[in-house]
N, C-alpha and C. Protein backbone atom coordinates (compact mmCIF):
# COMPACT_ATOMS: atom_id res chain seq x y z
N MET A 1 0.73 -1.22 -0.32
CA MET A 1 -0.73 0.03 -0.18
C MET A 1 1.09 1.47 -0.16
N ASN A 2 0.52 2.25 -0.70
CA ASN A 2 1.04 3.43 -0.95
C ASN A 2 1.15 4.46 -0.33
N THR A 3 -0.06 4.51 0.76
CA THR A 3 -0.60 5.58 1.40
C THR A 3 -0.02 5.56 2.99
N CYS A 4 0.51 6.93 3.08
CA CYS A 4 0.50 7.23 4.86
C CYS A 4 -0.10 8.46 5.24
N PHE A 5 -0.25 7.99 6.51
CA PHE A 5 -1.77 7.80 7.92
C PHE A 5 -0.50 9.20 8.20
N PHE A 6 -1.09 10.47 9.18
CA PHE A 6 -0.30 10.80 10.06
C PHE A 6 -0.96 10.97 11.36
N ILE A 7 -0.27 10.61 12.66
CA ILE A 7 -0.86 10.47 14.04
C ILE A 7 -0.01 11.32 14.93
N GLY A 8 -0.46 12.55 15.59
CA GLY A 8 0.50 13.09 16.30
C GLY A 8 -0.55 13.67 17.76
N HIS A 9 0.53 14.30 18.56
CA HIS A 9 -0.29 14.99 19.27
C HIS A 9 -0.62 16.64 19.04
N ARG A 10 -1.69 17.07 19.58
CA ARG A 10 -2.30 17.93 19.22
C ARG A 10 -1.67 19.65 19.68
N ASP A 11 -1.08 19.25 20.26
CA ASP A 11 0.02 20.27 20.57
C ASP A 11 1.66 20.21 20.10
N ALA A 12 1.53 19.91 19.10
CA ALA A 12 3.50 19.25 19.12
C ALA A 12 3.21 20.39 18.93
N PRO A 13 5.00 20.88 18.89
CA PRO A 13 5.47 22.02 18.55
C PRO A 13 5.74 22.43 17.64
N GLU A 14 5.82 24.09 16.85
CA GLU A 14 6.27 24.18 15.17
C GLU A 14 7.64 23.37 15.02
N SER A 15 8.31 22.98 15.65
CA SER A 15 9.80 22.86 15.34
C SER A 15 9.46 22.15 14.94
N LEU A 16 8.80 20.97 15.15
CA LEU A 16 8.53 19.96 14.18
C LEU A 16 8.58 19.63 12.40
N ARG A 17 8.11 21.33 12.40
CA ARG A 17 7.99 21.24 10.91
C ARG A 17 8.96 20.64 9.77
N PRO A 18 10.05 21.11 9.90
CA PRO A 18 11.49 20.34 8.86
C PRO A 18 10.99 19.39 9.06
N SER A 19 11.27 18.45 10.11
CA SER A 19 11.16 17.00 10.18
C SER A 19 10.23 16.00 9.32
N LEU A 20 8.38 16.83 9.70
CA LEU A 20 7.71 16.62 8.81
C LEU A 20 8.02 16.54 7.79
N LEU A 21 8.46 17.59 7.32
CA LEU A 21 8.51 17.92 5.68
C LEU A 21 9.95 16.46 4.70
N THR A 22 11.10 16.63 5.69
CA THR A 22 11.81 15.39 5.11
C THR A 22 11.19 14.58 5.43
N GLU A 23 10.36 13.75 6.33
CA GLU A 23 10.16 12.31 6.75
C GLU A 23 8.47 12.63 5.06
N VAL A 24 8.14 13.61 5.30
CA VAL A 24 6.84 13.07 3.96
C VAL A 24 8.22 12.77 2.99
N GLU A 25 9.09 13.92 1.96
CA GLU A 25 9.74 13.68 1.02
C GLU A 25 10.67 12.36 0.99
N ARG A 26 10.88 12.35 2.18
CA ARG A 26 11.81 10.57 2.47
C ARG A 26 10.76 9.40 1.90
N HIS A 27 9.92 9.66 2.50
CA HIS A 27 8.43 8.74 2.58
C HIS A 27 8.21 8.48 0.30
N ILE A 28 8.43 10.23 -0.39
CA ILE A 28 8.22 9.64 -1.54
C ILE A 28 9.13 9.03 -2.17
N THR A 29 10.13 9.78 -1.96
CA THR A 29 11.49 9.39 -2.62
C THR A 29 12.40 7.56 -2.16
N GLU A 30 11.77 7.55 -1.17
CA GLU A 30 12.03 5.60 -1.19
C GLU A 30 11.56 5.16 -0.56
N HIS A 31 10.14 5.02 -0.37
CA HIS A 31 9.07 4.11 -0.48
C HIS A 31 8.16 4.28 -1.11
N GLY A 32 7.87 5.41 -2.12
CA GLY A 32 7.10 5.38 -3.59
C GLY A 32 5.64 5.79 -2.94
N VAL A 33 5.37 6.35 -1.55
CA VAL A 33 4.19 6.80 -0.90
C VAL A 33 3.48 8.10 -2.41
N THR A 34 2.39 7.70 -2.72
CA THR A 34 1.17 8.27 -3.42
C THR A 34 0.67 9.22 -2.37
N GLU A 35 -0.33 8.88 -1.78
CA GLU A 35 -1.08 9.38 -0.81
C GLU A 35 -0.90 10.01 0.18
N PHE A 36 -1.05 10.87 1.21
CA PHE A 36 -1.10 11.13 2.12
C PHE A 36 -2.25 11.10 2.84
N VAL A 37 -3.04 10.48 3.96
CA VAL A 37 -4.46 10.74 5.16
C VAL A 37 -3.88 11.86 6.06
N VAL A 38 -4.92 13.23 6.49
CA VAL A 38 -4.39 13.60 7.46
C VAL A 38 -5.11 13.53 7.99
N GLY A 39 -5.36 14.01 9.73
CA GLY A 39 -6.76 14.15 10.10
C GLY A 39 -6.88 16.16 10.00
N SER A 40 -7.72 16.62 11.32
CA SER A 40 -7.71 17.82 10.90
C SER A 40 -7.67 18.62 12.64
N TYR A 41 -7.41 17.30 13.70
CA TYR A 41 -7.50 17.58 15.18
C TYR A 41 -6.29 18.29 15.47
N GLY A 42 -5.98 19.77 15.47
CA GLY A 42 -4.60 19.44 16.62
C GLY A 42 -3.52 20.82 15.28
N ARG A 43 -2.54 21.06 16.06
CA ARG A 43 -0.98 21.55 15.35
C ARG A 43 -0.48 20.21 14.08
N PHE A 44 -0.16 18.88 15.26
CA PHE A 44 0.72 18.40 14.53
C PHE A 44 -0.06 17.71 12.86
N ASP A 45 -1.55 18.08 13.22
CA ASP A 45 -2.36 16.97 12.06
C ASP A 45 -1.83 18.70 10.57
N SER A 46 -2.21 20.03 11.53
CA SER A 46 -1.97 21.05 10.27
C SER A 46 -0.54 21.21 9.63
N MET A 47 0.45 20.76 10.85
CA MET A 47 1.33 20.99 10.09
C MET A 47 1.89 19.50 9.04
N ALA A 48 1.58 18.84 9.61
CA ALA A 48 1.24 17.56 8.36
C ALA A 48 0.97 17.53 6.83
N ALA A 49 -0.36 18.00 7.08
CA ALA A 49 -1.25 18.72 5.81
C ALA A 49 0.12 19.33 4.88
N TRP A 50 -0.03 21.16 5.85
CA TRP A 50 1.57 21.76 5.87
C TRP A 50 2.55 20.84 4.56
N ALA A 51 3.10 20.32 5.64
CA ALA A 51 4.30 19.18 4.94
C ALA A 51 3.79 18.95 3.40
N VAL A 52 2.73 17.68 3.53
CA VAL A 52 2.05 17.39 2.19
C VAL A 52 2.00 18.21 0.50
N LYS A 53 1.56 19.31 1.32
CA LYS A 53 1.73 20.39 0.39
C LYS A 53 2.61 20.98 0.27
N GLU A 54 3.82 21.45 0.85
CA GLU A 54 4.26 21.57 0.05
C GLU A 54 5.22 20.17 -1.03
N ALA A 55 5.48 19.73 -0.07
CA ALA A 55 5.84 18.50 -1.67
C ALA A 55 5.18 18.78 -1.85
N LYS A 56 3.76 18.39 -2.22
CA LYS A 56 2.80 18.45 -3.58
C LYS A 56 3.48 19.28 -4.97
N LYS A 57 4.48 20.66 -4.31
CA LYS A 57 4.99 21.38 -5.37
C LYS A 57 6.06 20.70 -6.52
N ARG A 58 6.16 19.86 -5.84
CA ARG A 58 7.41 19.24 -6.68
C ARG A 58 7.41 18.02 -6.80
N TYR A 59 6.43 16.94 -6.09
CA TYR A 59 5.72 15.30 -6.40
C TYR A 59 4.41 14.80 -7.22
N ALA A 60 3.93 14.23 -7.42
CA ALA A 60 2.43 13.49 -7.57
C ALA A 60 2.78 12.84 -6.79
N VAL A 61 2.22 13.52 -5.81
CA VAL A 61 0.65 13.01 -4.65
C VAL A 61 -0.45 13.56 -3.97
N GLU A 62 -1.40 12.59 -3.65
CA GLU A 62 -2.34 13.36 -3.41
C GLU A 62 -2.29 13.35 -2.12
N LEU A 63 -3.38 14.19 -1.48
CA LEU A 63 -3.42 14.95 0.10
C LEU A 63 -4.80 14.55 0.37
N ARG A 64 -5.17 13.33 1.55
CA ARG A 64 -7.03 13.32 1.66
C ARG A 64 -6.61 13.32 3.27
N LEU A 65 -7.90 14.54 3.11
CA LEU A 65 -8.38 15.26 4.61
C LEU A 65 -10.03 13.54 5.24
N LEU A 66 -9.44 13.32 6.22
CA LEU A 66 -10.14 12.00 6.90
C LEU A 66 -10.81 12.38 7.60
N LEU A 67 -12.34 11.74 7.69
CA LEU A 67 -13.57 12.38 8.19
C LEU A 67 -14.28 11.59 8.90
N PRO A 68 -13.58 11.77 10.95
CA PRO A 68 -14.42 10.84 11.11
C PRO A 68 -15.72 9.92 11.48
N TYR A 69 -16.30 12.10 11.05
CA TYR A 69 -18.25 11.19 11.61
C TYR A 69 -18.27 11.50 9.98
N HIS A 70 -19.38 10.62 9.64
CA HIS A 70 -20.55 10.97 8.54
C HIS A 70 -20.53 12.19 8.04
N PRO A 71 -20.40 11.80 6.53
CA PRO A 71 -20.43 12.88 5.87
C PRO A 71 -22.00 14.04 5.78
N ALA A 72 -22.52 13.08 5.59
CA ALA A 72 -23.61 13.79 5.44
C ALA A 72 -24.90 14.64 6.92
N LEU A 73 -23.40 13.79 8.35
CA LEU A 73 -24.51 15.04 9.18
C LEU A 73 -23.78 15.78 9.38
N ARG A 74 -22.20 15.49 9.40
CA ARG A 74 -21.32 16.77 9.21
C ARG A 74 -20.53 16.72 8.13
N PRO A 75 -21.32 17.89 6.62
CA PRO A 75 -20.47 17.76 5.25
C PRO A 75 -19.35 18.98 5.91
N VAL A 76 -17.99 17.83 4.88
CA VAL A 76 -17.14 19.01 4.66
C VAL A 76 -16.27 19.29 3.49
N ALA A 77 -16.07 19.94 3.00
CA ALA A 77 -15.28 20.30 1.73
C ALA A 77 -13.84 19.69 2.45
N ALA A 78 -13.25 19.37 0.94
CA ALA A 78 -12.14 18.98 0.95
C ALA A 78 -11.15 20.92 0.57
N PRO A 79 -10.69 20.89 1.95
CA PRO A 79 -9.37 22.26 2.18
C PRO A 79 -9.18 22.44 1.17
N GLU A 80 -8.04 23.78 1.23
CA GLU A 80 -7.86 24.61 -0.47
C GLU A 80 -6.23 23.15 0.50
N GLY A 81 -5.75 23.18 -0.80
CA GLY A 81 -4.79 22.11 -1.28
C GLY A 81 -4.46 20.71 -1.17
N PHE A 82 -6.13 19.96 -0.37
CA PHE A 82 -6.28 19.24 -0.53
C PHE A 82 -7.15 18.32 -1.71
N ASP A 83 -6.54 16.66 -1.95
CA ASP A 83 -7.26 16.55 -3.55
C ASP A 83 -8.90 15.68 -3.12
N GLY A 84 -9.21 15.91 -2.05
CA GLY A 84 -10.31 15.38 -1.69
C GLY A 84 -10.63 14.95 -0.06
N THR A 85 -11.77 13.65 0.35
CA THR A 85 -12.16 13.60 1.60
C THR A 85 -11.28 12.04 1.36
N PHE A 86 -11.88 11.34 2.66
CA PHE A 86 -12.01 10.15 2.92
C PHE A 86 -12.82 9.78 4.34
N TYR A 87 -14.01 9.40 4.48
CA TYR A 87 -14.86 8.47 5.10
C TYR A 87 -14.43 6.93 5.15
N PRO A 88 -14.19 7.09 6.54
CA PRO A 88 -14.20 5.32 6.18
C PRO A 88 -14.95 4.15 6.36
N PRO A 89 -15.15 2.97 5.71
CA PRO A 89 -16.73 2.63 5.36
C PRO A 89 -16.71 1.32 6.86
N GLY A 90 -18.08 1.91 7.23
CA GLY A 90 -18.17 0.80 8.05
C GLY A 90 -18.20 1.98 9.44
N MET A 91 -18.17 3.03 9.38
CA MET A 91 -18.50 3.84 10.61
C MET A 91 -19.41 4.51 11.05
N GLU A 92 -20.55 4.55 10.39
CA GLU A 92 -22.31 4.76 9.87
C GLU A 92 -22.78 4.42 11.81
N THR A 93 -22.55 3.36 12.10
CA THR A 93 -22.69 3.22 13.21
C THR A 93 -22.14 2.95 14.76
N VAL A 94 -21.10 3.74 14.44
CA VAL A 94 -19.73 4.63 15.48
C VAL A 94 -20.26 5.28 16.23
N PRO A 95 -20.33 4.98 17.94
CA PRO A 95 -20.60 6.41 18.88
C PRO A 95 -19.87 7.01 18.32
N LYS A 96 -20.57 8.43 18.50
CA LYS A 96 -20.04 10.02 17.98
C LYS A 96 -18.47 10.12 18.91
N ARG A 97 -19.04 9.87 20.01
CA ARG A 97 -17.24 9.83 21.08
C ARG A 97 -16.30 8.82 20.69
N ALA A 98 -16.73 7.55 19.80
CA ALA A 98 -15.67 6.91 19.55
C ALA A 98 -14.86 6.92 18.28
N ALA A 99 -15.18 7.69 17.31
CA ALA A 99 -15.53 8.20 15.92
C ALA A 99 -14.05 8.66 15.12
N ILE A 100 -13.14 9.48 15.95
CA ILE A 100 -11.81 9.78 15.65
C ILE A 100 -11.07 7.92 16.26
N VAL A 101 -10.82 7.74 17.33
CA VAL A 101 -10.21 6.97 17.66
C VAL A 101 -10.80 6.13 16.65
N ARG A 102 -11.63 5.56 16.14
CA ARG A 102 -11.70 4.35 15.15
C ARG A 102 -11.69 4.20 13.58
N ALA A 103 -11.92 5.89 13.60
CA ALA A 103 -10.91 6.38 11.88
C ALA A 103 -9.42 6.45 12.21
N ASN A 104 -8.98 6.53 13.33
CA ASN A 104 -7.59 6.75 13.00
C ASN A 104 -7.07 5.31 13.27
N ARG A 105 -7.81 3.73 13.99
CA ARG A 105 -7.58 2.55 13.74
C ARG A 105 -7.91 2.18 11.71
N TYR A 106 -8.78 2.83 11.28
CA TYR A 106 -9.23 1.88 9.84
C TYR A 106 -7.99 2.39 9.40
N MET A 107 -7.60 3.16 9.66
CA MET A 107 -5.95 4.65 8.57
C MET A 107 -4.93 3.20 9.49
N VAL A 108 -4.95 3.08 10.33
CA VAL A 108 -3.30 2.23 10.70
C VAL A 108 -3.65 0.37 9.90
N ASP A 109 -4.74 0.23 10.02
CA ASP A 109 -5.14 -1.50 9.34
C ASP A 109 -5.19 -1.19 7.94
N HIS A 110 -5.09 0.60 7.43
CA HIS A 110 -5.68 -0.18 5.75
C HIS A 110 -4.03 1.32 5.26
N CYS A 111 -3.22 1.52 5.44
CA CYS A 111 -1.58 1.85 5.00
C CYS A 111 -0.84 1.38 5.69
N GLY A 112 0.02 1.61 4.64
CA GLY A 112 1.58 0.90 4.49
C GLY A 112 2.48 2.07 5.10
N TYR A 113 2.04 3.05 5.41
CA TYR A 113 3.24 4.02 6.57
C TYR A 113 2.60 4.85 7.37
N LEU A 114 3.17 4.80 8.32
CA LEU A 114 1.93 5.13 9.70
C LEU A 114 3.94 7.17 9.95
N ILE A 115 3.85 8.09 10.01
CA ILE A 115 4.36 8.51 10.38
C ILE A 115 3.88 10.06 12.19
N ALA A 116 4.34 9.41 13.28
CA ALA A 116 3.97 9.44 14.07
C ALA A 116 4.83 10.88 14.93
N TYR A 117 4.29 11.54 15.93
CA TYR A 117 5.14 11.87 17.15
C TYR A 117 3.75 11.51 18.26
N ALA A 118 4.38 10.80 18.45
CA ALA A 118 3.83 10.41 20.13
C ALA A 118 4.72 9.90 21.03
N TRP A 119 4.66 10.56 22.45
CA TRP A 119 5.91 10.29 23.30
C TRP A 119 5.03 10.28 24.10
N ARG A 120 3.41 10.98 24.85
CA ARG A 120 2.47 10.86 25.85
C ARG A 120 2.77 9.27 26.29
N PRO A 121 2.82 8.77 26.60
CA PRO A 121 2.42 7.31 27.06
C PRO A 121 1.03 7.25 27.74
N ALA A 122 0.19 7.83 28.18
CA ALA A 122 -0.86 7.60 28.13
C ALA A 122 -2.05 8.04 27.45
N SER A 123 -1.48 8.02 26.10
CA SER A 123 -2.05 9.15 25.08
C SER A 123 -2.51 8.37 24.00
N ASN A 124 -3.68 8.47 23.21
CA ASN A 124 -4.59 8.18 21.75
C ASN A 124 -3.44 7.82 20.77
N ALA A 125 -2.26 8.62 20.90
CA ALA A 125 -1.96 8.37 20.01
C ALA A 125 -0.45 7.81 19.78
N ARG A 126 -0.22 7.95 20.88
CA ARG A 126 1.36 6.44 20.81
C ARG A 126 0.14 5.16 21.42
N ASN A 127 -0.81 5.16 21.48
CA ASN A 127 -1.17 3.67 21.61
C ASN A 127 -1.15 3.32 20.37
N LEU A 128 -1.92 4.18 19.53
CA LEU A 128 -2.39 4.05 17.94
C LEU A 128 -0.92 3.46 17.25
N VAL A 129 0.41 3.96 17.80
CA VAL A 129 1.82 3.87 16.95
C VAL A 129 1.98 2.00 17.44
N GLU A 130 2.00 1.96 18.92
CA GLU A 130 1.97 0.47 19.39
C GLU A 130 1.10 0.12 18.57
N TYR A 131 0.21 0.41 18.86
CA TYR A 131 -0.74 -1.40 18.34
C TYR A 131 -0.10 -1.34 16.74
N ALA A 132 -0.06 -0.04 15.35
CA ALA A 132 0.30 -0.40 14.02
C ALA A 132 1.82 -0.74 14.69
N ARG A 133 2.45 -1.30 15.29
CA ARG A 133 3.94 -1.66 16.03
C ARG A 133 3.70 -3.51 16.33
N ARG A 134 2.40 -4.01 16.79
CA ARG A 134 2.35 -5.04 17.12
C ARG A 134 1.55 -5.95 15.68
N ARG A 135 0.77 -5.03 15.20
CA ARG A 135 -0.07 -5.52 14.08
C ARG A 135 0.77 -5.53 13.01
N GLY A 136 1.90 -4.81 12.66
CA GLY A 136 2.27 -5.15 11.58
C GLY A 136 2.38 -4.60 10.57
N GLY A 137 3.07 -4.56 9.28
CA GLY A 137 2.75 -4.04 8.08
C GLY A 137 2.55 -3.15 7.42
N VAL A 138 3.00 -2.39 8.67
CA VAL A 138 2.90 -1.03 8.43
C VAL A 138 4.39 -1.13 8.75
N CYS A 139 4.59 0.62 8.15
CA CYS A 139 6.02 1.67 8.51
C CYS A 139 6.15 2.26 9.37
N VAL A 140 6.32 1.80 10.37
CA VAL A 140 5.98 3.02 11.29
C VAL A 140 7.57 4.28 11.65
N THR A 141 6.77 5.28 11.25
CA THR A 141 8.55 6.01 11.68
C THR A 141 7.92 7.15 12.73
N VAL A 142 8.51 7.93 14.08
CA VAL A 142 8.17 7.89 15.02
C VAL A 142 9.13 9.69 14.76
N LEU A 143 8.83 11.27 15.07
CA LEU A 143 9.26 11.65 15.01
C LEU A 143 9.73 12.37 16.35
N GLU A 144 11.32 12.78 16.74
CA GLU A 144 11.44 12.45 18.40
C GLU A 144 10.93 13.52 18.89
N ARG A 145 11.19 13.70 19.56
CA ARG A 145 10.59 14.96 20.66
C ARG A 145 11.07 15.66 20.58
N VAL A 146 10.80 17.42 20.26
CA VAL A 146 11.32 18.62 20.13
C VAL A 146 11.10 19.06 20.45
N GLU A 147 11.35 20.14 21.97
CA GLU A 147 10.36 21.47 22.75
C GLU A 147 10.91 22.64 22.30
């Protein structure tokens, strides 16, 4: 699978931008990633989207916005610079309070690559990284903690 997903803490520091851009470009050139999927809940997601948009100036890749809530209930247009949205199948019956976690897990189950910034021990981001490592089949890159 040539899809890369991002997961990270919503309050990630701005100083991660260069590392994110480097990893996005590395994933394109070394791993052949052609599609990136990112959420919209916090600074890490926004910086990840920025990095892919920057890479799109030089590479033919696509950027999709992950929708954890059914688009009919909460319509969302693809933001500027995105190539579309993605709503995971089978999410229609997931309670709203569990939707983000379930959508993130779906992406880990269906992507080949994961770029993460997850250092807090008791966080959903960290749990997802550990899940991806246990599950196997996903190349996991964890960015170093920067403050």
